[in-house]
Amino acid sequence: MQSENPDPARTPRAESGWERQALEELAFASLKEKRTARRWGIFFKVLTFAYLTIFLVALFDLPIPGRKAAHTQQHSALVEVRGVIEAGGSNSADSITSALANAFKDPHSAGVILRINSPGGSPVQSGIVYDEIKRLRAKHPEKPLHVVVEDLCASGGYYIAASADRIFVDKASLIGSIGVLMDGFGFTGTMEKLGVERRVYTAGENKAFMDPFAPINDKQREFTQGMLGEIHQQFIDVVKKGRGKRLKENPDVFSGLLWTGAKSIELGLADGYGTVDSVARDVIKAELVIDYTEKENVAERLAKRFGASMAGVLAERFVPRAGSVR
């Protein structure tokens, strides 16, 4: 009887070849998966590094390559005053005048645009900026300085604006508020109703005349009004000197009222309509605009807040209140 041939697929050699192929496929799949995971790992590491770089640039205001390249071209220099004008803030005289000085001294700046969106603030800080602008304009007579008002240019903001060659507005801008304000509260009646007695000791009969818990007499009120009137007259003189013959004779101009941009042109408080781009393009004739505004980075803001907090704690603990000025 003839024996049957064995099935080749079931031979040990065939079974071994099948297992080897399966193992090879499994190994290749595992290797491919590792390569894919490695690529994704590299991608996420690069992405994390990019985010970290952007964060550090924002935090410490590090220079970005190419940022200074534009300064080699003729341009209009922009400085912004946005918000309340006050010492120690982002709109302090130090930060504004520093930015203006850099804008004027740059040999490639054809002129300076001061963009103002401010309700005003400290007359002292505004006066320092005004005086510095006058000095810089005298030092660089070839470079004009124009003010562009967007939403609001009031009080100390207009004090600064009066130093410009020309003032440009939008028809709906709010301009003016040429006056001086000192406000507070009086709680004497409330204290009497509550049966609270105020105890304060001073050396100098008028030392506590601004105390909200003490009544103010006629002499102190007259003194305060005279002081405000003196500062107001300084403001009026600055505006008259800055605007010259362009300013129309109108007693309400210096009454503290606000005017629309359209009305401010009629009164001579402004010269015409314009934006930063239009003034750069059509007035200064240098369409490229470079921003010179000094902006606080995150680290500086944190440092200031921490410093202010520590100063407050130290003052509360160690500084005698008898020498404070209110």
C-alpha atoms as a PDB file:
ATOM      1  CA  MET A   1       0.000   0.000   0.000  1.00  0.00           C
ATOM      2  CA  GLN A   2       1.363   3.360  -1.110  1.00  0.00           C
ATOM      3  CA  SER A   3       1.855   5.895   1.738  1.00  0.00           C
ATOM      4  CA  GLU A   4       0.334   9.383   1.442  1.00  0.00           C
ATOM      5  CA  ASN A   5       2.618  12.416   1.065  1.00  0.00           C
ATOM      6  CA  PRO A   6       2.681  14.601   4.207  1.00  0.00           C
ATOM      7  CA  ASP A   7       1.049  18.062   4.050  1.00  0.00           C
ATOM      8  CA  PRO A   8       3.922  20.577   3.446  1.00  0.00           C
ATOM      9  CA  ALA A   9       2.044  23.291   5.363  1.00  0.00           C
ATOM     10  CA  ARG A  10       2.212  21.181   8.480  1.00  0.00           C
ATOM     11  CA  THR A  11       5.855  20.392   8.367  1.00  0.00           C
ATOM     12  CA  PRO A  12       8.003  21.701  11.242  1.00  0.00           C
ATOM     13  CA  ARG A  13       9.902  23.892   8.813  1.00  0.00           C
ATOM     14  CA  ALA A  14       6.689  25.517   7.488  1.00  0.00           C
ATOM     15  CA  GLU A  15       5.354  26.081  10.981  1.00  0.00           C
ATOM     16  CA  SER A  16       8.661  27.640  11.998  1.00  0.00           C
ATOM     17  CA  GLY A  17       8.576  30.015   8.980  1.00  0.00           C
ATOM     18  CA  TRP A  18       5.073  31.195   9.866  1.00  0.00           C
ATOM     19  CA  GLU A  19       6.002  31.941  13.461  1.00  0.00           C
ATOM     20  CA  ARG A  20       9.130  33.790  12.356  1.00  0.00           C
ATOM     21  CA  GLN A  21       7.098  35.950   9.980  1.00  0.00           C
ATOM     22  CA  ALA A  22       4.586  36.786  12.702  1.00  0.00           C
ATOM     23  CA  LEU A  23       7.355  37.705  15.095  1.00  0.00           C
ATOM     24  CA  GLU A  24       9.025  39.897  12.457  1.00  0.00           C
ATOM     25  CA  GLU A  25       5.745  41.709  11.727  1.00  0.00           C
ATOM     26  CA  LEU A  26       5.167  42.216  15.431  1.00  0.00           C
ATOM     27  CA  ALA A  27       8.697  43.570  15.876  1.00  0.00           C
ATOM     28  CA  PHE A  28       8.332  45.922  12.908  1.00  0.00           C
ATOM     29  CA  ALA A  29       4.975  47.171  14.237  1.00  0.00           C
ATOM     30  CA  SER A  30       6.498  47.788  17.658  1.00  0.00           C
ATOM     31  CA  LEU A  31       9.448  49.617  16.093  1.00  0.00           C
ATOM     32  CA  LYS A  32       7.105  51.734  13.958  1.00  0.00           C
ATOM     33  CA  GLU A  33       5.026  52.596  17.022  1.00  0.00           C
ATOM     34  CA  LYS A  34       8.149  53.661  18.932  1.00  0.00           C
ATOM     35  CA  ARG A  35       9.290  55.837  16.027  1.00  0.00           C
ATOM     36  CA  THR A  36       5.867  57.491  15.870  1.00  0.00           C
ATOM     37  CA  ALA A  37       5.873  58.084  19.620  1.00  0.00           C
ATOM     38  CA  ARG A  38       9.401  59.525  19.379  1.00  0.00           C
ATOM     39  CA  ARG A  39       8.328  61.915  16.616  1.00  0.00           C
ATOM     40  CA  TRP A  40       5.332  63.092  18.633  1.00  0.00           C
ATOM     41  CA  GLY A  41       7.568  63.491  21.678  1.00  0.00           C
ATOM     42  CA  ILE A  42       9.967  65.669  19.700  1.00  0.00           C
ATOM     43  CA  PHE A  43       7.040  67.689  18.333  1.00  0.00           C
ATOM     44  CA  PHE A  44       5.608  68.378  21.789  1.00  0.00           C
ATOM     45  CA  LYS A  45       9.052  69.251  23.161  1.00  0.00           C
ATOM     46  CA  VAL A  46       9.578  71.782  20.352  1.00  0.00           C
ATOM     47  CA  LEU A  47       6.085  73.174  20.924  1.00  0.00           C
ATOM     48  CA  THR A  48       6.734  73.496  24.662  1.00  0.00           C
ATOM     49  CA  PHE A  49      10.052  75.225  23.987  1.00  0.00           C
ATOM     50  CA  ALA A  50       8.341  77.684  21.614  1.00  0.00           C
ATOM     51  CA  TYR A  51       5.671  78.512  24.193  1.00  0.00           C
ATOM     52  CA  LEU A  52       8.319  78.914  26.887  1.00  0.00           C
ATOM     53  CA  THR A  53      10.332  81.252  24.636  1.00  0.00           C
ATOM     54  CA  ILE A  54       7.264  83.403  23.934  1.00  0.00           C
ATOM     55  CA  PHE A  55       6.460  83.500  27.663  1.00  0.00           C
ATOM     56  CA  LEU A  56       9.998  84.601  28.559  1.00  0.00           C
ATOM     57  CA  VAL A  57       9.963  87.284  25.859  1.00  0.00           C
ATOM     58  CA  ALA A  58       6.681  88.627  27.241  1.00  0.00           C
ATOM     59  CA  LEU A  59       7.856  88.338  30.850  1.00  0.00           C
ATOM     60  CA  PHE A  60      11.200  90.056  30.543  1.00  0.00           C
ATOM     61  CA  ASP A  61      10.629  92.041  27.352  1.00  0.00           C
ATOM     62  CA  LEU A  62      13.577  90.373  25.639  1.00  0.00           C
ATOM     63  CA  PRO A  63      14.617  91.741  22.234  1.00  0.00           C
ATOM     64  CA  ILE A  64      13.109  89.930  19.260  1.00  0.00           C
ATOM     65  CA  PRO A  65      15.384  89.485  16.217  1.00  0.00           C
ATOM     66  CA  GLY A  66      14.280  91.832  13.454  1.00  0.00           C
ATOM     67  CA  ARG A  67      12.407  94.210  15.743  1.00  0.00           C
ATOM     68  CA  LYS A  68      15.068  96.920  15.431  1.00  0.00           C
ATOM     69  CA  ALA A  69      15.438  96.503  11.689  1.00  0.00           C
ATOM     70  CA  ALA A  70      12.568  98.912  11.043  1.00  0.00           C
ATOM     71  CA  HIS A  71      14.474 101.678  12.866  1.00  0.00           C
ATOM     72  CA  THR A  72      16.889 101.871   9.963  1.00  0.00           C
ATOM     73  CA  GLN A  73      14.092 103.251   7.773  1.00  0.00           C
ATOM     74  CA  GLN A  74      12.590 106.707   7.931  1.00  0.00           C
ATOM     75  CA  HIS A  75       9.472 106.534  10.063  1.00  0.00           C
ATOM     76  CA  SER A  76       7.024 108.371  12.300  1.00  0.00           C
ATOM     77  CA  ALA A  77       7.705 107.767  15.992  1.00  0.00           C
ATOM     78  CA  LEU A  78       4.655 106.954  18.135  1.00  0.00           C
ATOM     79  CA  VAL A  79       4.364 107.520  21.893  1.00  0.00           C
ATOM     80  CA  GLU A  80       1.123 106.698  23.712  1.00  0.00           C
ATOM     81  CA  VAL A  81      -0.465 108.218  26.807  1.00  0.00           C
ATOM     82  CA  ARG A  82      -3.283 105.871  27.745  1.00  0.00           C
ATOM     83  CA  GLY A  83      -5.056 106.152  31.082  1.00  0.00           C
ATOM     84  CA  VAL A  84      -4.543 108.251  34.188  1.00  0.00           C
ATOM     85  CA  ILE A  85      -1.374 110.352  34.339  1.00  0.00           C
ATOM     86  CA  GLU A  86       0.221 109.661  37.705  1.00  0.00           C
ATOM     87  CA  ALA A  87       3.574 109.159  39.383  1.00  0.00           C
ATOM     88  CA  GLY A  88       4.651 105.535  39.593  1.00  0.00           C
ATOM     89  CA  GLY A  89       2.143 104.365  36.996  1.00  0.00           C
ATOM     90  CA  SER A  90       2.516 103.364  33.361  1.00  0.00           C
ATOM     91  CA  ASN A  91       1.753 106.995  32.443  1.00  0.00           C
ATOM     92  CA  SER A  92       4.234 108.659  34.760  1.00  0.00           C
ATOM     93  CA  ALA A  93       6.287 111.622  33.582  1.00  0.00           C
ATOM     94  CA  ASP A  94       9.425 109.453  33.719  1.00  0.00           C
ATOM     95  CA  SER A  95       8.090 106.822  31.312  1.00  0.00           C
ATOM     96  CA  ILE A  96       6.523 109.331  28.895  1.00  0.00           C
ATOM     97  CA  THR A  97       9.518 111.666  28.719  1.00  0.00           C
ATOM     98  CA  SER A  98      11.934 108.749  28.326  1.00  0.00           C
ATOM     99  CA  ALA A  99       9.950 107.448  25.352  1.00  0.00           C
ATOM    100  CA  LEU A 100       9.747 110.934  23.826  1.00  0.00           C
ATOM    101  CA  ALA A 101      13.503 111.456  24.203  1.00  0.00           C
ATOM    102  CA  ASN A 102      14.205 108.174  22.391  1.00  0.00           C
ATOM    103  CA  ALA A 103      11.751 109.095  19.645  1.00  0.00           C
ATOM    104  CA  PHE A 104      13.303 112.517  19.051  1.00  0.00           C
ATOM    105  CA  LYS A 105      16.934 111.428  19.118  1.00  0.00           C
ATOM    106  CA  ASP A 106      16.479 108.537  16.667  1.00  0.00           C
ATOM    107  CA  PRO A 107      18.100 109.778  13.443  1.00  0.00           C
ATOM    108  CA  HIS A 108      15.533 107.910  11.324  1.00  0.00           C
ATOM    109  CA  SER A 109      12.427 109.422  12.954  1.00  0.00           C
ATOM    110  CA  ALA A 110      10.920 112.131  10.745  1.00  0.00           C
ATOM    111  CA  GLY A 111       8.490 113.312  13.397  1.00  0.00           C
ATOM    112  CA  VAL A 112       6.724 112.294  16.599  1.00  0.00           C
ATOM    113  CA  ILE A 113       3.066 111.441  17.145  1.00  0.00           C
ATOM    114  CA  LEU A 114       1.738 111.555  20.700  1.00  0.00           C
ATOM    115  CA  ARG A 115      -1.486 109.546  20.863  1.00  0.00           C
ATOM    116  CA  ILE A 116      -3.573 110.507  23.905  1.00  0.00           C
ATOM    117  CA  ASN A 117      -6.473 108.632  25.476  1.00  0.00           C
ATOM    118  CA  SER A 118      -6.514 110.057  28.989  1.00  0.00           C
ATOM    119  CA  PRO A 119      -8.952 111.620  31.480  1.00  0.00           C
ATOM    120  CA  GLY A 120      -6.032 113.548  32.989  1.00  0.00           C
ATOM    121  CA  GLY A 121      -4.373 113.128  36.334  1.00  0.00           C
ATOM    122  CA  SER A 122      -1.549 114.800  38.218  1.00  0.00           C
ATOM    123  CA  PRO A 123      -0.903 118.416  37.171  1.00  0.00           C
ATOM    124  CA  VAL A 124       2.692 117.998  38.308  1.00  0.00           C
ATOM    125  CA  GLN A 125       3.311 114.958  36.099  1.00  0.00           C
ATOM    126  CA  SER A 126       1.548 116.663  33.180  1.00  0.00           C
ATOM    127  CA  GLY A 127       3.624 119.797  33.691  1.00  0.00           C
ATOM    128  CA  ILE A 128       6.872 117.820  33.639  1.00  0.00           C
ATOM    129  CA  VAL A 129       5.896 116.188  30.330  1.00  0.00           C
ATOM    130  CA  TYR A 130       4.852 119.558  28.871  1.00  0.00           C
ATOM    131  CA  ASP A 131       8.181 121.161  29.784  1.00  0.00           C
ATOM    132  CA  GLU A 132      10.159 118.224  28.406  1.00  0.00           C
ATOM    133  CA  ILE A 133       8.293 118.343  25.096  1.00  0.00           C
ATOM    134  CA  LYS A 134       9.103 122.051  24.786  1.00  0.00           C
ATOM    135  CA  ARG A 135      12.776 121.285  25.460  1.00  0.00           C
ATOM    136  CA  LEU A 136      12.899 118.437  22.939  1.00  0.00           C
ATOM    137  CA  ARG A 137      11.163 120.492  20.258  1.00  0.00           C
ATOM    138  CA  ALA A 138      13.690 123.296  20.743  1.00  0.00           C
ATOM    139  CA  LYS A 139      16.567 120.794  20.585  1.00  0.00           C
ATOM    140  CA  HIS A 140      15.186 119.083  17.458  1.00  0.00           C
ATOM    141  CA  PRO A 141      13.425 121.872  15.535  1.00  0.00           C
ATOM    142  CA  GLU A 142      13.409 119.793  12.334  1.00  0.00           C
ATOM    143  CA  LYS A 143      11.121 117.186  13.926  1.00  0.00           C
ATOM    144  CA  PRO A 144       7.467 118.125  14.503  1.00  0.00           C
ATOM    145  CA  LEU A 145       5.393 116.708  17.340  1.00  0.00           C
ATOM    146  CA  HIS A 146       1.685 116.233  16.690  1.00  0.00           C
ATOM    147  CA  VAL A 147      -0.980 114.987  19.094  1.00  0.00           C
ATOM    148  CA  VAL A 148      -3.656 112.546  17.953  1.00  0.00           C
ATOM    149  CA  VAL A 149      -6.683 112.287  20.243  1.00  0.00           C
ATOM    150  CA  GLU A 150      -8.873 109.227  19.959  1.00  0.00           C
ATOM    151  CA  ASP A 151     -11.592 108.969  22.641  1.00  0.00           C
ATOM    152  CA  LEU A 152     -10.638 111.410  25.381  1.00  0.00           C
ATOM    153  CA  CYS A 153      -8.074 114.126  26.034  1.00  0.00           C
ATOM    154  CA  ALA A 154      -9.113 115.918  29.203  1.00  0.00           C
ATOM    155  CA  SER A 155      -7.540 117.925  31.999  1.00  0.00           C
ATOM    156  CA  GLY A 156      -3.897 116.840  32.408  1.00  0.00           C
ATOM    157  CA  GLY A 157      -4.086 115.063  29.064  1.00  0.00           C
ATOM    158  CA  TYR A 158      -4.899 118.341  27.335  1.00  0.00           C
ATOM    159  CA  TYR A 159      -2.227 120.099  29.412  1.00  0.00           C
ATOM    160  CA  ILE A 160       0.290 117.845  27.640  1.00  0.00           C
ATOM    161  CA  ALA A 161      -1.433 118.210  24.251  1.00  0.00           C
ATOM    162  CA  ALA A 162      -1.056 122.001  24.374  1.00  0.00           C
ATOM    163  CA  SER A 163       2.687 121.545  23.821  1.00  0.00           C
ATOM    164  CA  ALA A 164       2.226 120.058  20.342  1.00  0.00           C
ATOM    165  CA  ASP A 165       2.630 121.667  16.938  1.00  0.00           C
ATOM    166  CA  ARG A 166      -0.851 120.525  15.973  1.00  0.00           C
ATOM    167  CA  ILE A 167      -3.683 118.578  17.607  1.00  0.00           C
ATOM    168  CA  PHE A 168      -5.768 116.144  15.552  1.00  0.00           C
ATOM    169  CA  VAL A 169      -9.068 114.681  16.738  1.00  0.00           C
ATOM    170  CA  ASP A 170     -12.059 112.633  15.689  1.00  0.00           C
ATOM    171  CA  LYS A 171     -15.329 114.531  15.408  1.00  0.00           C
ATOM    172  CA  ALA A 172     -16.683 112.558  18.397  1.00  0.00           C
ATOM    173  CA  SER A 173     -13.578 112.840  20.589  1.00  0.00           C
ATOM    174  CA  LEU A 174     -13.976 114.578  23.947  1.00  0.00           C
ATOM    175  CA  ILE A 175     -11.573 117.476  24.541  1.00  0.00           C
ATOM    176  CA  GLY A 176     -11.013 120.002  27.317  1.00  0.00           C
ATOM    177  CA  SER A 177     -11.903 119.934  30.987  1.00  0.00           C
ATOM    178  CA  ILE A 178      -9.434 122.775  31.529  1.00  0.00           C
ATOM    179  CA  GLY A 179      -9.775 123.094  35.279  1.00  0.00           C
ATOM    180  CA  VAL A 180      -8.497 121.779  38.597  1.00  0.00           C
ATOM    181  CA  LEU A 181     -10.288 119.464  40.998  1.00  0.00           C
ATOM    182  CA  MET A 182      -9.739 118.497  44.624  1.00  0.00           C
ATOM    183  CA  ASP A 183     -12.408 116.297  46.132  1.00  0.00           C
ATOM    184  CA  GLY A 184     -13.125 114.388  49.305  1.00  0.00           C
ATOM    185  CA  PHE A 185     -15.867 113.573  51.810  1.00  0.00           C
ATOM    186  CA  GLY A 186     -17.014 115.045  55.087  1.00  0.00           C
ATOM    187  CA  PHE A 187     -18.275 112.735  57.823  1.00  0.00           C
ATOM    188  CA  THR A 188     -18.808 115.172  60.689  1.00  0.00           C
ATOM    189  CA  GLY A 189     -22.624 114.904  60.659  1.00  0.00           C
ATOM    190  CA  THR A 190     -22.509 111.130  60.463  1.00  0.00           C
ATOM    191  CA  MET A 191     -20.113 110.955  63.398  1.00  0.00           C
ATOM    192  CA  GLU A 192     -22.388 113.123  65.524  1.00  0.00           C
ATOM    193  CA  LYS A 193     -25.363 110.867  64.799  1.00  0.00           C
ATOM    194  CA  LEU A 194     -23.325 107.793  65.674  1.00  0.00           C
ATOM    195  CA  GLY A 195     -21.893 109.392  68.800  1.00  0.00           C
ATOM    196  CA  VAL A 196     -18.308 109.023  67.570  1.00  0.00           C
ATOM    197  CA  GLU A 197     -15.719 111.509  68.764  1.00  0.00           C
ATOM    198  CA  ARG A 198     -12.731 112.323  66.556  1.00  0.00           C
ATOM    199  CA  ARG A 199      -9.432 112.714  68.440  1.00  0.00           C
ATOM    200  CA  VAL A 200      -6.487 114.121  66.487  1.00  0.00           C
ATOM    201  CA  TYR A 201      -3.511 116.108  67.753  1.00  0.00           C
ATOM    202  CA  THR A 202      -1.506 118.459  65.529  1.00  0.00           C
ATOM    203  CA  ALA A 203       1.267 121.023  65.712  1.00  0.00           C
ATOM    204  CA  GLY A 204       0.079 123.829  63.446  1.00  0.00           C
ATOM    205  CA  GLU A 205      -3.489 125.092  63.494  1.00  0.00           C
ATOM    206  CA  ASN A 206      -4.202 124.067  59.885  1.00  0.00           C
ATOM    207  CA  LYS A 207      -2.336 120.773  59.802  1.00  0.00           C
ATOM    208  CA  ALA A 208      -5.550 118.707  59.771  1.00  0.00           C
ATOM    209  CA  PHE A 209      -7.685 120.996  57.615  1.00  0.00           C
ATOM    210  CA  MET A 210      -8.133 118.247  54.958  1.00  0.00           C
ATOM    211  CA  ASP A 211      -9.248 115.723  57.565  1.00  0.00           C
ATOM    212  CA  PRO A 212     -12.671 114.375  56.401  1.00  0.00           C
ATOM    213  CA  PHE A 213     -13.681 113.828  60.034  1.00  0.00           C
ATOM    214  CA  ALA A 214     -13.165 117.468  61.013  1.00  0.00           C
ATOM    215  CA  PRO A 215     -15.212 120.489  59.888  1.00  0.00           C
ATOM    216  CA  ILE A 216     -13.587 122.994  57.513  1.00  0.00           C
ATOM    217  CA  ASN A 217     -13.848 126.691  58.343  1.00  0.00           C
ATOM    218  CA  ASP A 218     -14.187 129.633  55.967  1.00  0.00           C
ATOM    219  CA  LYS A 219     -10.507 130.558  56.185  1.00  0.00           C
ATOM    220  CA  GLN A 220      -9.409 127.073  55.173  1.00  0.00           C
ATOM    221  CA  ARG A 221     -11.974 126.936  52.379  1.00  0.00           C
ATOM    222  CA  GLU A 222     -10.741 130.274  51.030  1.00  0.00           C
ATOM    223  CA  PHE A 223      -7.133 129.085  51.191  1.00  0.00           C
ATOM    224  CA  THR A 224      -7.956 125.874  49.321  1.00  0.00           C
ATOM    225  CA  GLN A 225      -9.882 127.750  46.648  1.00  0.00           C
ATOM    226  CA  GLY A 226      -6.980 130.163  46.185  1.00  0.00           C
ATOM    227  CA  MET A 227      -4.531 127.283  45.794  1.00  0.00           C
ATOM    228  CA  LEU A 228      -6.740 125.630  43.158  1.00  0.00           C
ATOM    229  CA  GLY A 229      -7.146 128.966  41.397  1.00  0.00           C
ATOM    230  CA  GLU A 230      -3.371 129.374  41.189  1.00  0.00           C
ATOM    231  CA  ILE A 231      -2.938 125.939  39.610  1.00  0.00           C
ATOM    232  CA  HIS A 232      -5.853 126.651  37.260  1.00  0.00           C
ATOM    233  CA  GLN A 233      -4.194 129.854  36.094  1.00  0.00           C
ATOM    234  CA  GLN A 234      -1.007 127.913  35.365  1.00  0.00           C
ATOM    235  CA  PHE A 235      -3.092 125.569  33.215  1.00  0.00           C
ATOM    236  CA  ILE A 236      -4.736 128.499  31.396  1.00  0.00           C
ATOM    237  CA  ASP A 237      -1.360 130.127  30.708  1.00  0.00           C
ATOM    238  CA  VAL A 238       0.006 126.880  29.254  1.00  0.00           C
ATOM    239  CA  VAL A 239      -2.973 126.479  26.919  1.00  0.00           C
ATOM    240  CA  LYS A 240      -2.858 130.105  25.766  1.00  0.00           C
ATOM    241  CA  LYS A 241       0.872 129.892  25.125  1.00  0.00           C
ATOM    242  CA  GLY A 242       0.613 126.586  23.293  1.00  0.00           C
ATOM    243  CA  ARG A 243      -2.402 127.411  21.142  1.00  0.00           C
ATOM    244  CA  GLY A 244      -1.610 131.081  20.563  1.00  0.00           C
ATOM    245  CA  LYS A 245      -3.835 132.928  18.103  1.00  0.00           C
ATOM    246  CA  ARG A 246      -5.615 129.720  17.132  1.00  0.00           C
ATOM    247  CA  LEU A 247      -7.536 129.843  20.427  1.00  0.00           C
ATOM    248  CA  LYS A 248     -10.892 131.617  20.149  1.00  0.00           C
ATOM    249  CA  GLU A 249     -12.009 134.113  22.808  1.00  0.00           C
ATOM    250  CA  ASN A 250     -14.616 132.200  24.787  1.00  0.00           C
ATOM    251  CA  PRO A 251     -14.851 132.318  28.607  1.00  0.00           C
ATOM    252  CA  ASP A 252     -16.333 128.815  28.721  1.00  0.00           C
ATOM    253  CA  VAL A 253     -13.146 127.288  27.280  1.00  0.00           C
ATOM    254  CA  PHE A 254     -11.461 127.451  30.687  1.00  0.00           C
ATOM    255  CA  SER A 255     -14.545 126.602  32.740  1.00  0.00           C
ATOM    256  CA  GLY A 256     -13.855 122.876  32.956  1.00  0.00           C
ATOM    257  CA  LEU A 257     -16.367 121.879  30.250  1.00  0.00           C
ATOM    258  CA  LEU A 258     -15.728 119.107  27.756  1.00  0.00           C
ATOM    259  CA  TRP A 259     -16.146 119.634  24.018  1.00  0.00           C
ATOM    260  CA  THR A 260     -16.592 117.295  21.087  1.00  0.00           C
ATOM    261  CA  GLY A 261     -13.784 117.044  18.584  1.00  0.00           C
ATOM    262  CA  ALA A 262     -15.826 119.009  16.064  1.00  0.00           C
ATOM    263  CA  LYS A 263     -16.502 121.806  18.555  1.00  0.00           C
ATOM    264  CA  SER A 264     -12.903 121.822  19.760  1.00  0.00           C
ATOM    265  CA  ILE A 265     -11.768 122.683  16.234  1.00  0.00           C
ATOM    266  CA  GLU A 266     -14.206 125.622  16.179  1.00  0.00           C
ATOM    267  CA  LEU A 267     -12.863 126.859  19.531  1.00  0.00           C
ATOM    268  CA  GLY A 268      -9.249 126.492  18.469  1.00  0.00           C
ATOM    269  CA  LEU A 269      -8.520 123.736  20.965  1.00  0.00           C
ATOM    270  CA  ALA A 270      -7.688 121.399  18.053  1.00  0.00           C
ATOM    271  CA  ASP A 271      -6.533 121.856  14.475  1.00  0.00           C
ATOM    272  CA  GLY A 272      -8.286 119.204  12.405  1.00  0.00           C
ATOM    273  CA  TYR A 273      -9.326 115.606  11.958  1.00  0.00           C
ATOM    274  CA  GLY A 274      -6.775 112.846  11.819  1.00  0.00           C
ATOM    275  CA  THR A 275      -5.562 109.457  13.005  1.00  0.00           C
ATOM    276  CA  VAL A 276      -2.092 108.120  13.688  1.00  0.00           C
ATOM    277  CA  ASP A 277      -1.904 106.623  10.200  1.00  0.00           C
ATOM    278  CA  SER A 278      -3.211 109.695   8.396  1.00  0.00           C
ATOM    279  CA  VAL A 279      -0.913 112.069  10.293  1.00  0.00           C
ATOM    280  CA  ALA A 280       2.098 109.838   9.614  1.00  0.00           C
ATOM    281  CA  ARG A 281       1.216 109.521   5.941  1.00  0.00           C
ATOM    282  CA  ASP A 282      -0.103 112.985   5.064  1.00  0.00           C
ATOM    283  CA  VAL A 283       1.464 115.370   7.611  1.00  0.00           C
ATOM    284  CA  ILE A 284       4.832 113.923   8.616  1.00  0.00           C
ATOM    285  CA  LYS A 285       5.226 112.167   5.235  1.00  0.00           C
ATOM    286  CA  ALA A 286       6.643 109.002   6.805  1.00  0.00           C
ATOM    287  CA  GLU A 287       4.001 106.295   6.560  1.00  0.00           C
ATOM    288  CA  LEU A 288       5.881 103.678   8.584  1.00  0.00           C
ATOM    289  CA  VAL A 289       4.983 104.016  12.292  1.00  0.00           C
ATOM    290  CA  ILE A 290       7.296 102.735  15.040  1.00  0.00           C
ATOM    291  CA  ASP A 291       6.006 102.568  18.620  1.00  0.00           C
ATOM    292  CA  TYR A 292       8.453 103.978  21.209  1.00  0.00           C
ATOM    293  CA  THR A 293       6.062 103.738  24.151  1.00  0.00           C
ATOM    294  CA  GLU A 294       7.681 102.248  27.233  1.00  0.00           C
ATOM    295  CA  LYS A 295       5.558  99.335  28.378  1.00  0.00           C
ATOM    296  CA  GLU A 296       6.016  97.545  31.658  1.00  0.00           C
ATOM    297  CA  ASN A 297       6.597  93.819  31.353  1.00  0.00           C
ATOM    298  CA  VAL A 298       5.093  91.257  33.709  1.00  0.00           C
ATOM    299  CA  ALA A 299       8.234  91.075  35.861  1.00  0.00           C
ATOM    300  CA  GLU A 300       8.262  94.844  36.402  1.00  0.00           C
ATOM    301  CA  ARG A 301       4.582  94.917  37.334  1.00  0.00           C
ATOM    302  CA  LEU A 302       5.050  92.090  39.827  1.00  0.00           C
ATOM    303  CA  ALA A 303       8.107  93.822  41.278  1.00  0.00           C
ATOM    304  CA  LYS A 304       6.224  97.091  41.685  1.00  0.00           C
ATOM    305  CA  ARG A 305       3.274  95.407  43.369  1.00  0.00           C
ATOM    306  CA  PHE A 306       5.559  93.467  45.677  1.00  0.00           C
ATOM    307  CA  GLY A 307       7.567  96.618  46.413  1.00  0.00           C
ATOM    308  CA  ALA A 308       4.435  98.632  47.124  1.00  0.00           C
ATOM    309  CA  SER A 309       3.129  95.924  49.449  1.00  0.00           C
ATOM    310  CA  MET A 310       6.407  95.716  51.358  1.00  0.00           C
ATOM    311  CA  ALA A 311       6.660  99.509  51.562  1.00  0.00           C
ATOM    312  CA  GLY A 312       3.154  99.629  52.988  1.00  0.00           C
ATOM    313  CA  VAL A 313       3.991  97.044  55.631  1.00  0.00           C
ATOM    314  CA  LEU A 314       7.212  98.819  56.593  1.00  0.00           C
ATOM    315  CA  ALA A 315       5.504 102.203  56.730  1.00  0.00           C
ATOM    316  CA  GLU A 316       2.733 100.817  58.891  1.00  0.00           C
ATOM    317  CA  ARG A 317       5.209  99.284  61.321  1.00  0.00           C
ATOM    318  CA  PHE A 318       8.093 101.720  61.465  1.00  0.00           C
ATOM    319  CA  VAL A 319       7.170 105.158  60.041  1.00  0.00           C
ATOM    320  CA  PRO A 320       5.607 107.552  62.577  1.00  0.00           C
ATOM    321  CA  ARG A 321       2.338 109.025  61.338  1.00  0.00           C
ATOM    322  CA  ALA A 322       2.972 112.371  63.016  1.00  0.00           C
ATOM    323  CA  GLY A 323       5.138 113.431  60.083  1.00  0.00           C
ATOM    324  CA  SER A 324       2.707 112.442  57.321  1.00  0.00           C
ATOM    325  CA  VAL A 325       1.404 114.981  54.856  1.00  0.00           C
ATOM    326  CA  ARG A 326      -2.138 114.595  53.641  1.00  0.00           C
END
